[in-house]
Amino acid sequence: MLMLWYPKCSTCQKAKKWLEEKGLEVRLRDVKLENPSAEELRRWHAASGLPLKRFFNTSGLQYKALGLKDRLPGMDAEEQLALLASDGMLVKRPLLVGEGFVLTGFRPKEWEERLG
């Protein structure tokens, strides 16, 4: 599995600890240093079955500074993917990518159901 995270994020740290306690191996990728490409995001979005908005870090400073709450509804999917790929801090974290699934954010119940 791959987990996109931001090491200074307390939620990301909780998710990492949860995975370690479960004995699950995960490759960590700092979303700020190595943001995902539009192609990766396109694949993950398709695999997730989630609305693209769930891939945005809606509580982040960058999201608010860019006024994305009002701008996103008027953007098509390709514009949104390009925007996400332009700055890793816009991406919801942690983002867990595994065989046949993608989880955005850390919701222990959801992760438990998926990963047991």
C-alpha atoms as a PDB file:
ATOM      1  CA  MET A   1       0.000   0.000   0.000  1.00  0.00           C
ATOM      2  CA  LEU A   2       0.975   3.597  -0.521  1.00  0.00           C
ATOM      3  CA  MET A   3       0.074   6.344   1.916  1.00  0.00           C
ATOM      4  CA  LEU A   4       0.392   9.966   0.901  1.00  0.00           C
ATOM      5  CA  TRP A   5       0.878  11.937   4.076  1.00  0.00           C
ATOM      6  CA  TYR A   6       2.298  15.089   5.558  1.00  0.00           C
ATOM      7  CA  PRO A   7       4.582  14.157   8.483  1.00  0.00           C
ATOM      8  CA  LYS A   8       3.595  17.247  10.527  1.00  0.00           C
ATOM      9  CA  CYS A   9      -0.121  16.365  10.258  1.00  0.00           C
ATOM     10  CA  SER A  10      -1.442  14.814  13.484  1.00  0.00           C
ATOM     11  CA  THR A  11      -4.148  12.875  11.637  1.00  0.00           C
ATOM     12  CA  CYS A  12      -1.508  11.405   9.326  1.00  0.00           C
ATOM     13  CA  GLN A  13       0.564  10.405  12.347  1.00  0.00           C
ATOM     14  CA  LYS A  14      -2.477   8.672  13.873  1.00  0.00           C
ATOM     15  CA  ALA A  15      -3.103   6.808  10.609  1.00  0.00           C
ATOM     16  CA  LYS A  16       0.535   5.686  10.414  1.00  0.00           C
ATOM     17  CA  LYS A  17       0.401   4.456  14.014  1.00  0.00           C
ATOM     18  CA  TRP A  18      -2.876   2.626  13.330  1.00  0.00           C
ATOM     19  CA  LEU A  19      -1.324   0.841  10.331  1.00  0.00           C
ATOM     20  CA  GLU A  20       1.771  -0.084  12.357  1.00  0.00           C
ATOM     21  CA  GLU A  21      -0.384  -1.473  15.190  1.00  0.00           C
ATOM     22  CA  LYS A  22      -2.212  -3.633  12.632  1.00  0.00           C
ATOM     23  CA  GLY A  23       1.125  -4.874  11.282  1.00  0.00           C
ATOM     24  CA  LEU A  24       0.306  -3.521   7.828  1.00  0.00           C
ATOM     25  CA  GLU A  25       3.158  -2.492   5.587  1.00  0.00           C
ATOM     26  CA  VAL A  26       2.844   0.821   3.846  1.00  0.00           C
ATOM     27  CA  ARG A  27       5.130   2.945   1.720  1.00  0.00           C
ATOM     28  CA  LEU A  28       5.031   6.562   2.887  1.00  0.00           C
ATOM     29  CA  ARG A  29       5.189   9.466   0.466  1.00  0.00           C
ATOM     30  CA  ASP A  30       5.355  13.059   1.680  1.00  0.00           C
ATOM     31  CA  VAL A  31       2.594  14.816  -0.240  1.00  0.00           C
ATOM     32  CA  LYS A  32       4.332  18.177   0.066  1.00  0.00           C
ATOM     33  CA  LEU A  33       7.674  16.960  -1.312  1.00  0.00           C
ATOM     34  CA  GLU A  34       6.303  14.599  -3.948  1.00  0.00           C
ATOM     35  CA  ASN A  35       2.800  15.616  -4.916  1.00  0.00           C
ATOM     36  CA  PRO A  36       0.791  13.188  -7.021  1.00  0.00           C
ATOM     37  CA  SER A  37       0.564  13.640 -10.767  1.00  0.00           C
ATOM     38  CA  ALA A  38      -2.716  14.333 -12.524  1.00  0.00           C
ATOM     39  CA  GLU A  39      -2.530  10.817 -14.005  1.00  0.00           C
ATOM     40  CA  GLU A  40      -2.096   9.196 -10.571  1.00  0.00           C
ATOM     41  CA  LEU A  41      -4.982  11.251  -9.214  1.00  0.00           C
ATOM     42  CA  ARG A  42      -7.134  10.305 -12.210  1.00  0.00           C
ATOM     43  CA  ARG A  43      -6.510   6.584 -11.579  1.00  0.00           C
ATOM     44  CA  TRP A  44      -7.054   6.881  -7.827  1.00  0.00           C
ATOM     45  CA  HIS A  45     -10.228   8.880  -8.293  1.00  0.00           C
ATOM     46  CA  ALA A  46     -11.613   6.222 -10.670  1.00  0.00           C
ATOM     47  CA  ALA A  47     -10.690   3.424  -8.250  1.00  0.00           C
ATOM     48  CA  SER A  48     -12.180   5.212  -5.241  1.00  0.00           C
ATOM     49  CA  GLY A  49     -15.736   5.686  -6.477  1.00  0.00           C
ATOM     50  CA  LEU A  50     -15.714   8.967  -4.538  1.00  0.00           C
ATOM     51  CA  PRO A  51     -16.597  12.455  -5.738  1.00  0.00           C
ATOM     52  CA  LEU A  52     -13.457  14.338  -6.788  1.00  0.00           C
ATOM     53  CA  LYS A  53     -14.131  16.938  -4.092  1.00  0.00           C
ATOM     54  CA  ARG A  54     -13.214  14.290  -1.476  1.00  0.00           C
ATOM     55  CA  PHE A  55      -9.626  14.458  -2.761  1.00  0.00           C
ATOM     56  CA  PHE A  56      -9.297  18.104  -1.723  1.00  0.00           C
ATOM     57  CA  ASN A  57      -7.981  19.147   1.688  1.00  0.00           C
ATOM     58  CA  THR A  58     -10.929  21.464   2.301  1.00  0.00           C
ATOM     59  CA  SER A  59      -9.631  22.554   5.703  1.00  0.00           C
ATOM     60  CA  GLY A  60      -6.187  23.497   4.393  1.00  0.00           C
ATOM     61  CA  LEU A  61      -4.819  27.009   4.204  1.00  0.00           C
ATOM     62  CA  GLN A  62      -4.124  26.745   0.474  1.00  0.00           C
ATOM     63  CA  TYR A  63      -7.696  25.613  -0.270  1.00  0.00           C
ATOM     64  CA  LYS A  64      -9.044  28.640   1.573  1.00  0.00           C
ATOM     65  CA  ALA A  65      -6.472  31.085   0.141  1.00  0.00           C
ATOM     66  CA  LEU A  66      -7.435  30.078  -3.403  1.00  0.00           C
ATOM     67  CA  GLY A  67     -11.169  30.411  -2.664  1.00  0.00           C
ATOM     68  CA  LEU A  68     -11.784  26.870  -3.896  1.00  0.00           C
ATOM     69  CA  LYS A  69     -15.049  26.457  -2.004  1.00  0.00           C
ATOM     70  CA  ASP A  70     -16.611  28.823  -4.525  1.00  0.00           C
ATOM     71  CA  ARG A  71     -14.410  27.994  -7.517  1.00  0.00           C
ATOM     72  CA  LEU A  72     -14.538  24.170  -7.561  1.00  0.00           C
ATOM     73  CA  PRO A  73     -18.190  23.824  -8.636  1.00  0.00           C
ATOM     74  CA  GLY A  74     -17.394  25.748 -11.837  1.00  0.00           C
ATOM     75  CA  MET A  75     -14.343  23.658 -12.711  1.00  0.00           C
ATOM     76  CA  ASP A  76     -14.422  20.469 -14.758  1.00  0.00           C
ATOM     77  CA  ALA A  77     -12.686  17.288 -13.586  1.00  0.00           C
ATOM     78  CA  GLU A  78      -9.526  17.878 -15.635  1.00  0.00           C
ATOM     79  CA  GLU A  79      -9.107  21.371 -14.192  1.00  0.00           C
ATOM     80  CA  GLN A  80      -9.561  19.995 -10.678  1.00  0.00           C
ATOM     81  CA  LEU A  81      -7.047  17.192 -11.268  1.00  0.00           C
ATOM     82  CA  ALA A  82      -4.503  19.658 -12.658  1.00  0.00           C
ATOM     83  CA  LEU A  83      -5.004  21.886  -9.617  1.00  0.00           C
ATOM     84  CA  LEU A  84      -4.541  18.969  -7.197  1.00  0.00           C
ATOM     85  CA  ALA A  85      -1.390  17.900  -9.048  1.00  0.00           C
ATOM     86  CA  SER A  86       0.024  21.434  -8.828  1.00  0.00           C
ATOM     87  CA  ASP A  87       0.284  21.492  -5.016  1.00  0.00           C
ATOM     88  CA  GLY A  88       0.368  18.474  -2.708  1.00  0.00           C
ATOM     89  CA  MET A  89      -0.973  20.557   0.163  1.00  0.00           C
ATOM     90  CA  LEU A  90      -4.319  20.721  -1.666  1.00  0.00           C
ATOM     91  CA  VAL A  91      -4.636  16.919  -1.506  1.00  0.00           C
ATOM     92  CA  LYS A  92      -6.692  15.340   1.285  1.00  0.00           C
ATOM     93  CA  ARG A  93      -4.474  13.408   3.606  1.00  0.00           C
ATOM     94  CA  PRO A  94      -3.749  10.803   4.471  1.00  0.00           C
ATOM     95  CA  LEU A  95      -4.559   9.201   1.142  1.00  0.00           C
ATOM     96  CA  LEU A  96      -4.240   5.418   1.301  1.00  0.00           C
ATOM     97  CA  VAL A  97      -3.943   3.563  -1.990  1.00  0.00           C
ATOM     98  CA  GLY A  98      -4.121  -0.213  -2.041  1.00  0.00           C
ATOM     99  CA  GLU A  99      -5.027  -3.054  -4.357  1.00  0.00           C
ATOM    100  CA  GLY A 100      -8.494  -2.126  -5.609  1.00  0.00           C
ATOM    101  CA  PHE A 101      -9.233   0.679  -3.142  1.00  0.00           C
ATOM    102  CA  VAL A 102      -8.446   4.277  -2.243  1.00  0.00           C
ATOM    103  CA  LEU A 103      -9.280   5.868   1.111  1.00  0.00           C
ATOM    104  CA  THR A 104      -9.225   9.633   1.656  1.00  0.00           C
ATOM    105  CA  GLY A 105      -8.722  10.973   5.152  1.00  0.00           C
ATOM    106  CA  PHE A 106      -8.365   8.821   8.247  1.00  0.00           C
ATOM    107  CA  ARG A 107     -11.634   7.394   9.479  1.00  0.00           C
ATOM    108  CA  PRO A 108     -10.689   4.427  11.697  1.00  0.00           C
ATOM    109  CA  LYS A 109     -14.036   2.670  11.209  1.00  0.00           C
ATOM    110  CA  GLU A 110     -13.787   2.907   7.412  1.00  0.00           C
ATOM    111  CA  TRP A 111     -10.156   1.756   7.470  1.00  0.00           C
ATOM    112  CA  GLU A 112     -11.059  -1.135   9.793  1.00  0.00           C
ATOM    113  CA  GLU A 113     -13.816  -2.267   7.431  1.00  0.00           C
ATOM    114  CA  ARG A 114     -11.461  -2.167   4.446  1.00  0.00           C
ATOM    115  CA  LEU A 115      -8.276  -3.477   6.041  1.00  0.00           C
ATOM    116  CA  GLY A 116      -9.527  -5.432   9.049  1.00  0.00           C
END
